[in-house]
Amino acid sequence: MIHFPFHYPFILKGELYMLQQAVAGKLRAIVGAQWFKDDPESLITHSYDGTPMLQTLPDGVVYPENTAQVSEIIKVLQEHRVPVVSRGSGTNLCGGTVPVQGGVVMVMHRMNRILEVDLENLTATVQPGLNTKAFITHVEGLGLFYPPDPSSMAISTIGGNIAECSGGLRGLKYGTTKDYVIGLEAVLANGEIIRTGGKLMKDVAGYDLTKLLVGSEGTLAVITEATLKLIPPPKTKKTMLAMYKDLYGAARTVSKIIESRIIPATLEFLDNPTIRVVDDFAKLGLPLDMDAILLIEQDGDAETVDRDIARIAEICAGENAERVSIAADEAEALKLLTARRSAFTALARLRPTTILEDATVPRSKIADMVLAINDIAKRHGVTICTFGHAGDGNLHPTATTDARDANEIHRVEEAFAEIFEAAIALGGTITGEHGVGLVKAPYLEWKVGAAGIEVMKAIKHSFDPNNILNPGKMFAKSARKRVVLHRG
């Protein structure tokens, strides 16, 4: 059996790749002494990310200022076969930026500028260390709109969003990060600099390297610059809540909204355990006897928004929603959306350890998936709450547990393995937006098959033949055996 790598808290020194003083000296010469660190505090600070119970010490931390420095750093590390993990704020939940084989963590925070906002082409060119929310706020101030809105956007960076192909609450209507990255500058494993795409709406010159690098989790290249597509902002929006005592009624509502040719800006789902925790955290006065709540937002021109919200309310009533309420003003709408974004934070208050996962199924299978999650959690004697992006079928089963209880952690592991199996059985996938990283690597073959794994490995080898770019991620040493699901 392959265990989740995060099951047992540990701190290991990357002994195989202990940096020689000569290598450290070369890195200091490139970035300046103050921007290469190997003191205990810096190593510990960069030994973990947002993934619980996974920690490994790097051998050094380097902070490049520009693309030329990134290139020179990579050349040194390639020469000495030292692993390198490029990193933003480390908010990912798949172990993607944990330096599991030691080596150097390359922190991109100094490369944090907006290089250009092109009002003629509606594009922005930015560096990878730029804070996501700061960027969104800046372009909105110019009367433009960048839709990707991961829940971590107040902390995350654009480069990290690109590495993980981050989604967010607006993904149903507007798409995810990959839909807005139209050009990249990146440094390859040999230190060469490439540019892909550009300020173009059409470009079929060869393979689409831009899309290949988006979501590649730092395993193929180090992204140093991105050209992003911007769009005009919606003129208005309205937010509503629909509350159900019947889980299938909520699921049918989601499907019927889409069948009615209405694509909401946001269509979110919370199950009963999550409703209770979020209400206690945000003090919204939500009814605690509901099996599910849908949070729905529509944006666009005023006439379309009014028409869509009225039709959605009819659909909710037709599927026996106990109550439908529309936010009275922008302040109330913001409070509702903030409460949804705080679901993880609220759940994290319950137990010492919170493990947030994601699995995606066709939206018509949401109720089946939630019931499967509840059944799996009950059989394994663990607590799992579920919320997520109902409109695109992306659910976040979240276990509240305690890392100090090895037996319970083992049961959580087995439960999540069955949850991934259930998602695939329903026509879904093991991850919709969190990425594969280290945590999902044992399950990737379940989704893409052995032939798919070999194709991906060939791509990885072509880009990075010596495996120095974020090694140990994406591909497990062996596939985890499928579990046999309880069919009772």
Protein backbone atom coordinates (compact mmCIF):
# COMPACT_ATOMS: atom_id res chain seq x y z
CA MET A 1 0.00 0.00 0.00
CA ILE A 2 1.18 3.52 -0.79
CA HIS A 3 0.42 5.93 2.01
CA PHE A 4 -0.40 9.58 1.56
CA PRO A 5 2.94 11.31 1.97
CA PHE A 6 1.41 13.75 4.44
CA HIS A 7 0.37 11.11 6.94
CA TYR A 8 3.31 11.37 9.24
CA PRO A 9 4.72 14.77 10.15
CA PHE A 10 8.44 14.88 9.48
CA ILE A 11 11.34 17.20 8.84
CA LEU A 12 14.13 15.78 6.74
CA LYS A 13 17.29 17.39 5.47
CA GLY A 14 17.89 16.90 1.78
CA GLU A 15 21.08 14.99 2.50
CA LEU A 16 21.56 13.75 -1.04
CA TYR A 17 21.74 17.32 -2.29
CA MET A 18 23.49 19.15 0.54
CA LEU A 19 24.71 22.28 -1.14
CA GLN A 20 28.44 22.48 -1.50
CA GLN A 21 29.91 25.77 -0.46
CA ALA A 22 31.01 26.34 -4.04
CA VAL A 23 27.41 26.11 -5.27
CA ALA A 24 26.16 28.37 -2.51
CA GLY A 25 28.91 30.84 -3.37
CA LYS A 26 27.86 30.88 -7.03
CA LEU A 27 24.24 31.56 -6.10
CA ARG A 28 25.25 34.41 -3.80
CA ALA A 29 27.32 35.87 -6.59
CA ILE A 30 24.27 35.88 -8.87
CA VAL A 31 21.67 37.41 -6.53
CA GLY A 32 23.76 39.06 -3.82
CA ALA A 33 24.57 37.68 -0.40
CA GLN A 34 21.33 38.89 1.20
CA TRP A 35 19.18 37.07 -1.36
CA PHE A 36 20.55 33.58 -0.79
CA LYS A 37 19.75 32.08 2.60
CA ASP A 38 20.59 28.80 4.28
CA ASP A 39 20.05 29.73 7.92
CA PRO A 40 17.72 27.43 9.91
CA GLU A 41 14.88 29.97 10.06
CA SER A 42 14.78 30.43 6.28
CA LEU A 43 15.00 26.70 5.61
CA ILE A 44 12.16 25.91 8.02
CA THR A 45 10.01 28.74 6.63
CA HIS A 46 10.26 27.23 3.14
CA SER A 47 9.96 23.57 4.17
CA TYR A 48 6.16 23.42 3.87
CA ASP A 49 3.19 24.89 1.99
CA GLY A 50 -0.57 24.90 2.52
CA THR A 51 -0.72 21.11 2.56
CA PRO A 52 -1.13 19.68 6.07
CA MET A 53 1.41 17.31 7.60
CA LEU A 54 4.04 17.53 4.89
CA GLN A 55 7.39 19.18 5.53
CA THR A 56 10.91 18.75 4.19
CA LEU A 57 13.85 21.10 4.67
CA PRO A 58 15.52 22.53 1.57
CA ASP A 59 19.26 23.14 1.49
CA GLY A 60 18.95 26.76 0.47
CA VAL A 61 16.52 29.52 -0.49
CA VAL A 62 17.18 31.97 -3.31
CA TYR A 63 15.28 35.13 -4.29
CA PRO A 64 15.91 36.17 -7.92
CA GLU A 65 15.20 39.72 -9.06
CA ASN A 66 14.81 39.16 -12.81
CA THR A 67 14.72 36.59 -15.58
CA ALA A 68 18.45 36.79 -16.22
CA GLN A 69 19.15 35.81 -12.61
CA VAL A 70 16.69 32.91 -12.84
CA SER A 71 18.50 31.68 -15.93
CA GLU A 72 21.92 31.87 -14.27
CA ILE A 73 20.63 30.16 -11.12
CA ILE A 74 19.16 27.30 -13.14
CA LYS A 75 22.43 26.85 -15.06
CA VAL A 76 24.36 26.48 -11.80
CA LEU A 77 21.85 24.04 -10.35
CA GLN A 78 21.74 22.05 -13.58
CA GLU A 79 25.54 21.79 -13.63
CA HIS A 80 25.56 20.34 -10.12
CA ARG A 81 22.28 18.38 -10.48
CA VAL A 82 20.66 20.24 -7.59
CA PRO A 83 16.83 20.15 -7.45
CA VAL A 84 14.97 23.46 -7.58
CA VAL A 85 11.39 24.19 -6.53
CA SER A 86 10.00 27.50 -7.78
CA ARG A 87 7.52 28.98 -5.34
CA GLY A 88 5.12 31.86 -4.81
CA SER A 89 3.29 32.10 -1.49
CA GLY A 90 2.93 28.35 -1.02
CA THR A 91 -0.86 28.36 -0.66
CA ASN A 92 -1.33 25.20 -2.76
CA LEU A 93 -2.94 22.15 -1.17
CA CYS A 94 -1.24 19.32 -3.07
CA GLY A 95 2.30 19.50 -1.63
CA GLY A 96 3.38 21.14 -4.86
CA THR A 97 6.05 23.40 -3.37
CA VAL A 98 7.44 21.16 -0.64
CA PRO A 99 11.12 20.42 -1.49
CA VAL A 100 10.81 16.66 -0.99
CA GLN A 101 14.28 15.99 -2.40
CA GLY A 102 15.99 18.94 -0.75
CA GLY A 103 17.84 21.32 -3.04
CA VAL A 104 16.95 24.98 -3.54
CA VAL A 105 13.61 26.72 -3.16
CA MET A 106 13.41 29.63 -5.61
CA VAL A 107 11.05 32.26 -4.19
CA MET A 108 9.65 34.61 -6.83
CA HIS A 109 8.37 37.41 -4.57
CA ARG A 110 10.93 39.98 -5.72
CA MET A 111 9.63 39.61 -9.28
CA ASN A 112 6.28 41.19 -8.45
CA ARG A 113 5.70 44.02 -10.90
CA ILE A 114 2.94 44.79 -13.36
CA LEU A 115 5.07 45.44 -16.42
CA GLU A 116 2.29 46.73 -18.65
CA VAL A 117 -1.44 47.08 -18.99
CA ASP A 118 -2.21 47.37 -22.71
CA LEU A 119 -5.56 49.12 -23.08
CA GLU A 120 -5.56 48.69 -26.86
CA ASN A 121 -5.19 44.90 -26.74
CA LEU A 122 -6.82 44.38 -23.32
CA THR A 123 -3.83 42.51 -21.91
CA ALA A 124 -1.57 42.80 -18.91
CA THR A 125 2.03 41.63 -18.70
CA VAL A 126 3.12 40.75 -15.18
CA GLN A 127 5.85 39.04 -13.21
CA PRO A 128 5.08 35.78 -11.37
CA GLY A 129 5.49 37.09 -7.83
CA LEU A 130 2.63 39.58 -8.19
CA ASN A 131 -0.10 39.16 -5.58
CA THR A 132 -3.35 37.99 -7.21
CA LYS A 133 -5.73 40.28 -5.33
CA ALA A 134 -3.46 43.30 -5.81
CA PHE A 135 -3.49 42.62 -9.55
CA ILE A 136 -7.28 42.22 -9.69
CA THR A 137 -7.75 45.43 -7.72
CA HIS A 138 -5.37 47.31 -10.02
CA VAL A 139 -7.07 46.28 -13.27
CA GLU A 140 -10.53 46.91 -11.82
CA GLY A 141 -9.34 50.42 -11.04
CA LEU A 142 -8.69 50.80 -14.76
CA GLY A 143 -12.20 49.65 -15.62
CA LEU A 144 -11.16 46.13 -16.64
CA PHE A 145 -11.76 42.63 -15.29
CA TYR A 146 -9.54 39.60 -14.59
CA PRO A 147 -11.98 36.83 -13.60
CA PRO A 148 -9.88 34.04 -11.98
CA ASP A 149 -10.54 34.34 -8.23
CA PRO A 150 -9.02 31.50 -6.19
CA SER A 151 -10.05 31.54 -2.55
CA SER A 152 -6.40 32.17 -1.62
CA MET A 153 -6.14 35.25 -3.85
CA ALA A 154 -5.41 37.62 -0.95
CA ILE A 155 -2.17 35.66 -0.40
CA SER A 156 -1.45 33.78 -3.63
CA THR A 157 0.64 34.97 -6.57
CA ILE A 158 -0.09 35.00 -10.28
CA GLY A 159 2.83 32.63 -10.88
CA GLY A 160 1.45 30.15 -8.37
CA ASN A 161 -2.00 30.44 -9.94
CA ILE A 162 -0.48 29.64 -13.33
CA ALA A 163 1.54 26.72 -11.99
CA GLU A 164 -1.58 25.13 -10.51
CA CYS A 165 -4.10 26.43 -13.09
CA SER A 166 -6.14 27.86 -10.24
CA GLY A 167 -9.91 28.16 -10.46
CA GLY A 168 -12.27 29.97 -8.14
CA LEU A 169 -15.91 30.86 -7.58
CA ARG A 170 -16.26 32.51 -11.00
CA GLY A 171 -14.94 29.52 -12.94
CA LEU A 172 -18.34 28.31 -14.20
CA LYS A 173 -19.03 31.41 -16.30
CA TYR A 174 -15.57 32.79 -16.90
CA GLY A 175 -13.24 29.79 -16.87
CA THR A 176 -10.01 29.28 -14.96
CA THR A 177 -6.48 30.63 -15.13
CA LYS A 178 -5.63 28.72 -18.32
CA ASP A 179 -8.32 30.67 -20.18
CA TYR A 180 -6.58 34.00 -19.47
CA VAL A 181 -2.89 33.16 -19.92
CA ILE A 182 -2.07 33.93 -23.56
CA GLY A 183 1.70 34.27 -23.37
CA LEU A 184 4.58 33.24 -21.14
CA GLU A 185 8.26 33.78 -20.63
CA ALA A 186 9.91 30.80 -18.96
CA VAL A 187 13.34 29.43 -18.13
CA LEU A 188 14.00 25.84 -19.13
CA ALA A 189 15.96 23.27 -17.14
CA ASN A 190 19.14 24.10 -19.08
CA GLY A 191 18.81 27.81 -18.33
CA GLU A 192 17.57 28.80 -21.77
CA ILE A 193 14.78 31.39 -21.94
CA ILE A 194 11.74 30.80 -24.14
CA ARG A 195 8.68 32.88 -25.00
CA THR A 196 5.34 31.34 -25.87
CA GLY A 197 2.18 32.95 -27.26
CA GLY A 198 1.76 36.70 -26.97
CA LYS A 199 -0.90 39.39 -27.34
CA LEU A 200 -2.76 37.25 -29.84
CA MET A 201 -6.27 35.88 -29.92
CA LYS A 202 -5.27 33.41 -32.64
CA ASP A 203 -1.99 31.49 -32.82
CA VAL A 204 -1.65 27.90 -34.04
CA ALA A 205 2.07 27.99 -34.82
CA GLY A 206 3.15 24.59 -33.51
CA TYR A 207 2.28 22.96 -30.22
CA ASP A 208 0.53 25.16 -27.67
CA LEU A 209 3.39 25.46 -25.19
CA THR A 210 1.57 28.17 -23.25
CA LYS A 211 -1.27 25.84 -22.30
CA LEU A 212 1.20 23.02 -21.62
CA LEU A 213 3.09 25.11 -19.06
CA VAL A 214 -0.09 26.32 -17.34
CA GLY A 215 -0.82 23.74 -14.65
CA SER A 216 2.53 22.00 -15.00
CA GLU A 217 3.32 22.76 -11.33
CA GLY A 218 6.90 23.90 -11.92
CA THR A 219 7.94 20.51 -13.29
CA LEU A 220 8.66 21.68 -16.85
CA ALA A 221 10.02 25.24 -16.56
CA VAL A 222 10.21 28.26 -14.27
CA ILE A 223 7.71 30.93 -15.33
CA THR A 224 9.21 34.43 -15.20
CA GLU A 225 6.60 36.55 -17.00
CA ALA A 226 2.98 36.17 -18.11
CA THR A 227 0.73 37.96 -20.57
CA LEU A 228 -2.86 37.82 -19.36
CA LYS A 229 -6.11 38.48 -21.16
CA LEU A 230 -8.42 41.10 -19.64
CA ILE A 231 -12.11 41.64 -20.39
CA PRO A 232 -14.65 44.42 -19.80
CA PRO A 233 -16.26 44.18 -16.36
CA PRO A 234 -19.92 43.24 -15.87
CA LYS A 235 -22.19 46.25 -15.40
CA THR A 236 -24.15 44.87 -12.48
CA LYS A 237 -24.70 41.74 -10.40
CA LYS A 238 -27.15 40.16 -7.98
CA THR A 239 -26.64 37.46 -5.36
CA MET A 240 -29.15 34.98 -3.95
CA LEU A 241 -29.43 32.04 -1.57
CA ALA A 242 -31.57 28.97 -2.13
CA MET A 243 -32.06 26.57 0.79
CA TYR A 244 -33.08 22.91 0.55
CA LYS A 245 -34.04 20.07 2.84
CA ASP A 246 -33.58 17.71 -0.10
CA LEU A 247 -30.04 17.25 -1.44
CA TYR A 248 -31.32 16.01 -4.79
CA GLY A 249 -33.51 19.09 -5.12
CA ALA A 250 -30.42 21.26 -4.86
CA ALA A 251 -28.60 19.10 -7.41
CA ARG A 252 -31.54 19.16 -9.82
CA THR A 253 -31.65 22.94 -9.48
CA VAL A 254 -28.04 23.20 -10.61
CA SER A 255 -28.72 21.07 -13.69
CA LYS A 256 -31.95 22.87 -14.59
CA ILE A 257 -30.32 26.29 -14.36
CA ILE A 258 -27.75 25.22 -16.93
CA GLU A 259 -30.40 23.46 -19.04
CA SER A 260 -32.27 26.78 -19.13
CA ARG A 261 -29.24 28.28 -20.92
CA ILE A 262 -28.36 30.38 -17.90
CA ILE A 263 -24.72 30.42 -16.87
CA PRO A 264 -24.41 32.12 -13.48
CA ALA A 265 -21.23 33.93 -12.49
CA THR A 266 -21.20 31.88 -9.28
CA LEU A 267 -23.07 28.71 -8.34
CA GLU A 268 -21.78 27.36 -5.04
CA PHE A 269 -22.86 24.46 -2.81
CA LEU A 270 -22.63 23.91 0.96
CA ASP A 271 -23.79 20.76 2.73
CA ASN A 272 -25.38 20.75 6.19
CA PRO A 273 -22.22 20.28 8.28
CA THR A 274 -20.56 23.12 6.39
CA ILE A 275 -23.64 25.35 6.77
CA ARG A 276 -23.48 24.92 10.54
CA VAL A 277 -19.79 25.73 10.79
CA VAL A 278 -19.93 28.69 8.39
CA ASP A 279 -22.95 30.17 10.18
CA ASP A 280 -21.21 29.89 13.54
CA PHE A 281 -18.17 31.60 12.02
CA ALA A 282 -19.87 34.33 9.96
CA LYS A 283 -23.04 34.84 12.05
CA LEU A 284 -25.40 34.89 9.05
CA GLY A 285 -28.43 33.44 10.80
CA LEU A 286 -28.71 30.56 8.33
CA PRO A 287 -31.31 27.85 9.04
CA LEU A 288 -29.37 24.90 10.41
CA ASP A 289 -31.85 22.21 9.40
CA MET A 290 -31.15 22.48 5.68
CA ASP A 291 -29.42 19.65 3.83
CA ALA A 292 -27.93 22.04 1.30
CA ILE A 293 -27.61 25.69 0.35
CA LEU A 294 -26.89 27.10 -3.09
CA LEU A 295 -25.19 30.49 -3.31
CA ILE A 296 -25.91 31.95 -6.75
CA GLU A 297 -24.64 35.15 -8.34
CA GLN A 298 -25.36 36.50 -11.78
CA ASP A 299 -23.68 39.45 -13.49
CA GLY A 300 -24.00 41.32 -16.76
CA ASP A 301 -26.28 44.08 -17.98
CA ALA A 302 -29.12 44.97 -15.64
CA GLU A 303 -31.93 43.60 -17.80
CA THR A 304 -30.24 40.22 -18.27
CA VAL A 305 -29.36 39.92 -14.58
CA ASP A 306 -32.92 40.69 -13.48
CA ARG A 307 -34.35 38.20 -15.98
CA ASP A 308 -31.89 35.45 -15.03
CA ILE A 309 -32.32 35.88 -11.29
CA ALA A 310 -36.12 35.77 -11.66
CA ARG A 311 -35.89 32.58 -13.73
CA ILE A 312 -33.41 30.99 -11.31
CA ALA A 313 -35.78 31.77 -8.41
CA GLU A 314 -38.58 30.00 -10.33
CA ILE A 315 -36.37 26.96 -10.87
CA CYS A 316 -35.44 26.85 -7.19
CA ALA A 317 -39.09 27.01 -6.16
CA GLY A 318 -39.93 24.30 -8.69
CA GLU A 319 -37.36 22.03 -7.05
CA ASN A 320 -38.90 22.60 -3.61
CA ALA A 321 -36.42 25.05 -2.17
CA GLU A 322 -37.54 25.88 1.37
CA ARG A 323 -36.52 29.49 0.98
CA VAL A 324 -35.09 31.75 -1.72
CA SER A 325 -33.68 35.13 -0.78
CA ILE A 326 -31.97 37.82 -2.85
CA ALA A 327 -29.32 40.04 -1.29
CA ALA A 328 -30.78 43.49 -0.70
CA ASP A 329 -27.62 45.37 -1.55
CA GLU A 330 -23.95 45.00 -2.41
CA ALA A 331 -22.93 44.85 1.26
CA GLU A 332 -25.19 41.87 1.93
CA ALA A 333 -24.03 40.15 -1.25
CA LEU A 334 -20.39 40.64 -0.26
CA LYS A 335 -21.13 39.18 3.17
CA LEU A 336 -22.60 36.05 1.60
CA LEU A 337 -19.69 35.58 -0.78
CA THR A 338 -17.18 36.22 1.99
CA ALA A 339 -18.90 33.58 4.10
CA ARG A 340 -18.54 31.04 1.28
CA ARG A 341 -14.88 31.94 0.82
CA SER A 342 -14.36 31.46 4.55
CA ALA A 343 -15.65 27.87 4.56
CA PHE A 344 -12.17 26.39 4.86
CA THR A 345 -11.20 28.84 7.59
CA ALA A 346 -14.38 28.08 9.50
CA LEU A 347 -13.83 24.32 9.28
CA ALA A 348 -10.21 24.70 10.36
CA ARG A 349 -11.42 25.91 13.76
CA LEU A 350 -12.96 22.52 14.58
CA ARG A 351 -9.94 20.23 14.92
CA PRO A 352 -6.13 20.62 14.95
CA THR A 353 -5.76 19.33 11.37
CA THR A 354 -7.89 20.17 8.33
CA ILE A 355 -7.41 18.32 5.03
CA LEU A 356 -9.14 20.04 2.11
CA GLU A 357 -9.44 17.93 -1.03
CA ASP A 358 -11.13 18.38 -4.37
CA ALA A 359 -12.82 16.05 -6.80
CA THR A 360 -14.94 16.92 -9.82
CA VAL A 361 -17.94 15.11 -11.28
CA PRO A 362 -20.47 16.02 -13.97
CA ARG A 363 -22.81 18.57 -12.39
CA SER A 364 -25.73 16.15 -12.77
CA LYS A 365 -23.93 13.77 -10.39
CA ILE A 366 -23.37 16.24 -7.54
CA ALA A 367 -26.01 14.75 -5.23
CA ASP A 368 -24.74 11.22 -5.90
CA MET A 369 -21.21 12.36 -5.11
CA VAL A 370 -22.16 14.14 -1.88
CA LEU A 371 -24.12 11.11 -0.69
CA ALA A 372 -21.18 8.87 -1.58
CA ILE A 373 -18.86 11.13 0.43
CA ASN A 374 -21.21 11.01 3.41
CA ASP A 375 -21.45 7.22 3.21
CA ILE A 376 -17.68 6.81 2.92
CA ALA A 377 -17.06 9.15 5.88
CA LYS A 378 -19.58 7.28 8.04
CA ARG A 379 -18.10 3.87 7.28
CA HIS A 380 -14.59 5.03 8.11
CA GLY A 381 -15.68 6.89 11.23
CA VAL A 382 -14.31 10.26 10.13
CA THR A 383 -15.80 13.74 9.80
CA ILE A 384 -15.96 15.14 6.26
CA CYS A 385 -17.83 18.30 5.30
CA THR A 386 -18.47 19.14 1.65
CA PHE A 387 -18.74 22.44 -0.18
CA GLY A 388 -17.64 23.62 -3.58
CA HIS A 389 -18.40 24.91 -7.04
CA ALA A 390 -21.68 23.19 -7.88
CA GLY A 391 -21.95 24.80 -11.30
CA ASP A 392 -18.88 22.99 -12.61
CA GLY A 393 -19.18 19.90 -10.41
CA ASN A 394 -16.04 20.69 -8.40
CA LEU A 395 -16.57 19.63 -4.77
CA HIS A 396 -14.27 20.07 -1.80
CA PRO A 397 -14.68 17.26 0.72
CA THR A 398 -12.88 18.49 3.83
CA ALA A 399 -11.79 16.25 6.69
CA THR A 400 -11.38 17.68 10.16
CA THR A 401 -8.99 15.46 12.09
CA ASP A 402 -5.85 15.38 14.25
CA ALA A 403 -2.39 14.59 12.89
CA ARG A 404 -1.41 13.14 16.27
CA ASP A 405 -3.94 10.31 15.90
CA ALA A 406 -2.25 7.92 13.45
CA ASN A 407 -5.21 5.56 13.37
CA GLU A 408 -7.68 8.30 12.50
CA ILE A 409 -5.33 9.73 9.86
CA HIS A 410 -5.12 6.27 8.28
CA ARG A 411 -8.93 6.13 8.14
CA VAL A 412 -9.00 9.59 6.55
CA GLU A 413 -6.54 8.35 3.94
CA GLU A 414 -8.67 5.34 3.10
CA ALA A 415 -11.78 7.51 2.95
CA PHE A 416 -10.20 9.92 0.47
CA ALA A 417 -8.98 7.05 -1.68
CA GLU A 418 -12.58 5.84 -1.93
CA ILE A 419 -13.79 9.38 -2.62
CA PHE A 420 -11.41 9.68 -5.59
CA GLU A 421 -12.56 6.25 -6.79
CA ALA A 422 -16.18 7.31 -6.49
CA ALA A 423 -15.55 10.51 -8.45
CA ILE A 424 -13.97 8.56 -11.32
CA ALA A 425 -16.82 6.02 -11.27
CA LEU A 426 -19.26 8.90 -11.73
CA GLY A 427 -17.35 10.16 -14.75
CA GLY A 428 -15.24 12.66 -12.83
CA THR A 429 -11.64 13.29 -11.90
CA ILE A 430 -9.33 13.25 -8.88
CA THR A 431 -8.68 17.00 -8.93
CA GLY A 432 -10.47 19.95 -10.46
CA GLU A 433 -8.23 22.80 -9.37
CA HIS A 434 -5.83 21.87 -6.57
CA GLY A 435 -3.37 20.04 -8.82
CA VAL A 436 -1.59 16.71 -8.52
CA GLY A 437 1.66 17.62 -6.78
CA LEU A 438 2.69 15.00 -4.27
CA VAL A 439 -0.67 14.23 -2.67
CA LYS A 440 -2.58 13.12 -5.79
CA ALA A 441 0.38 11.50 -7.59
CA PRO A 442 -0.56 7.95 -6.45
CA TYR A 443 -3.98 8.39 -8.06
CA LEU A 444 -3.10 10.09 -11.34
CA GLU A 445 -2.95 6.81 -13.25
CA TRP A 446 -6.53 6.07 -12.20
CA LYS A 447 -7.61 9.06 -14.24
CA VAL A 448 -5.27 9.13 -17.25
CA GLY A 449 -4.32 5.45 -17.55
CA ALA A 450 -0.91 3.86 -17.90
CA ALA A 451 -0.48 5.12 -21.48
CA GLY A 452 -1.33 8.67 -20.38
CA ILE A 453 1.26 8.48 -17.62
CA GLU A 454 3.93 7.41 -20.10
CA VAL A 455 3.11 10.31 -22.43
CA MET A 456 3.37 12.75 -19.52
CA LYS A 457 6.66 11.24 -18.38
CA ALA A 458 8.04 11.60 -21.91
CA ILE A 459 7.09 15.29 -21.91
CA LYS A 460 8.73 15.75 -18.53
CA HIS A 461 11.93 14.03 -19.72
CA SER A 462 12.03 16.17 -22.86
CA PHE A 463 11.86 19.38 -20.84
CA ASP A 464 13.91 18.22 -17.86
CA PRO A 465 16.09 15.17 -18.64
CA ASN A 466 18.00 15.37 -15.35
CA ASN A 467 14.84 15.82 -13.28
CA ILE A 468 15.91 18.90 -11.34
CA LEU A 469 12.65 20.87 -11.72
CA ASN A 470 10.37 20.13 -8.75
CA PRO A 471 11.29 16.43 -8.67
CA GLY A 472 9.06 13.93 -6.88
CA LYS A 473 5.84 15.61 -8.00
CA MET A 474 3.13 14.51 -10.40
CA PHE A 475 4.37 10.93 -10.85
CA ALA A 476 4.20 8.34 -8.08
CA LYS A 477 6.84 5.60 -7.97
CA SER A 478 4.01 3.14 -8.37
CA ALA A 479 0.27 3.49 -8.75
CA ARG A 480 -1.90 3.08 -5.68
CA LYS A 481 -4.13 0.04 -5.92
CA ARG A 482 -7.78 0.83 -6.47
CA VAL A 483 -9.96 0.28 -3.45
CA VAL A 484 -13.04 -1.92 -3.55
CA LEU A 485 -15.99 0.34 -2.88
CA HIS A 486 -18.66 -0.68 -0.41
CA ARG A 487 -21.87 -1.23 -2.36
CA GLY A 488 -24.19 -1.84 0.59
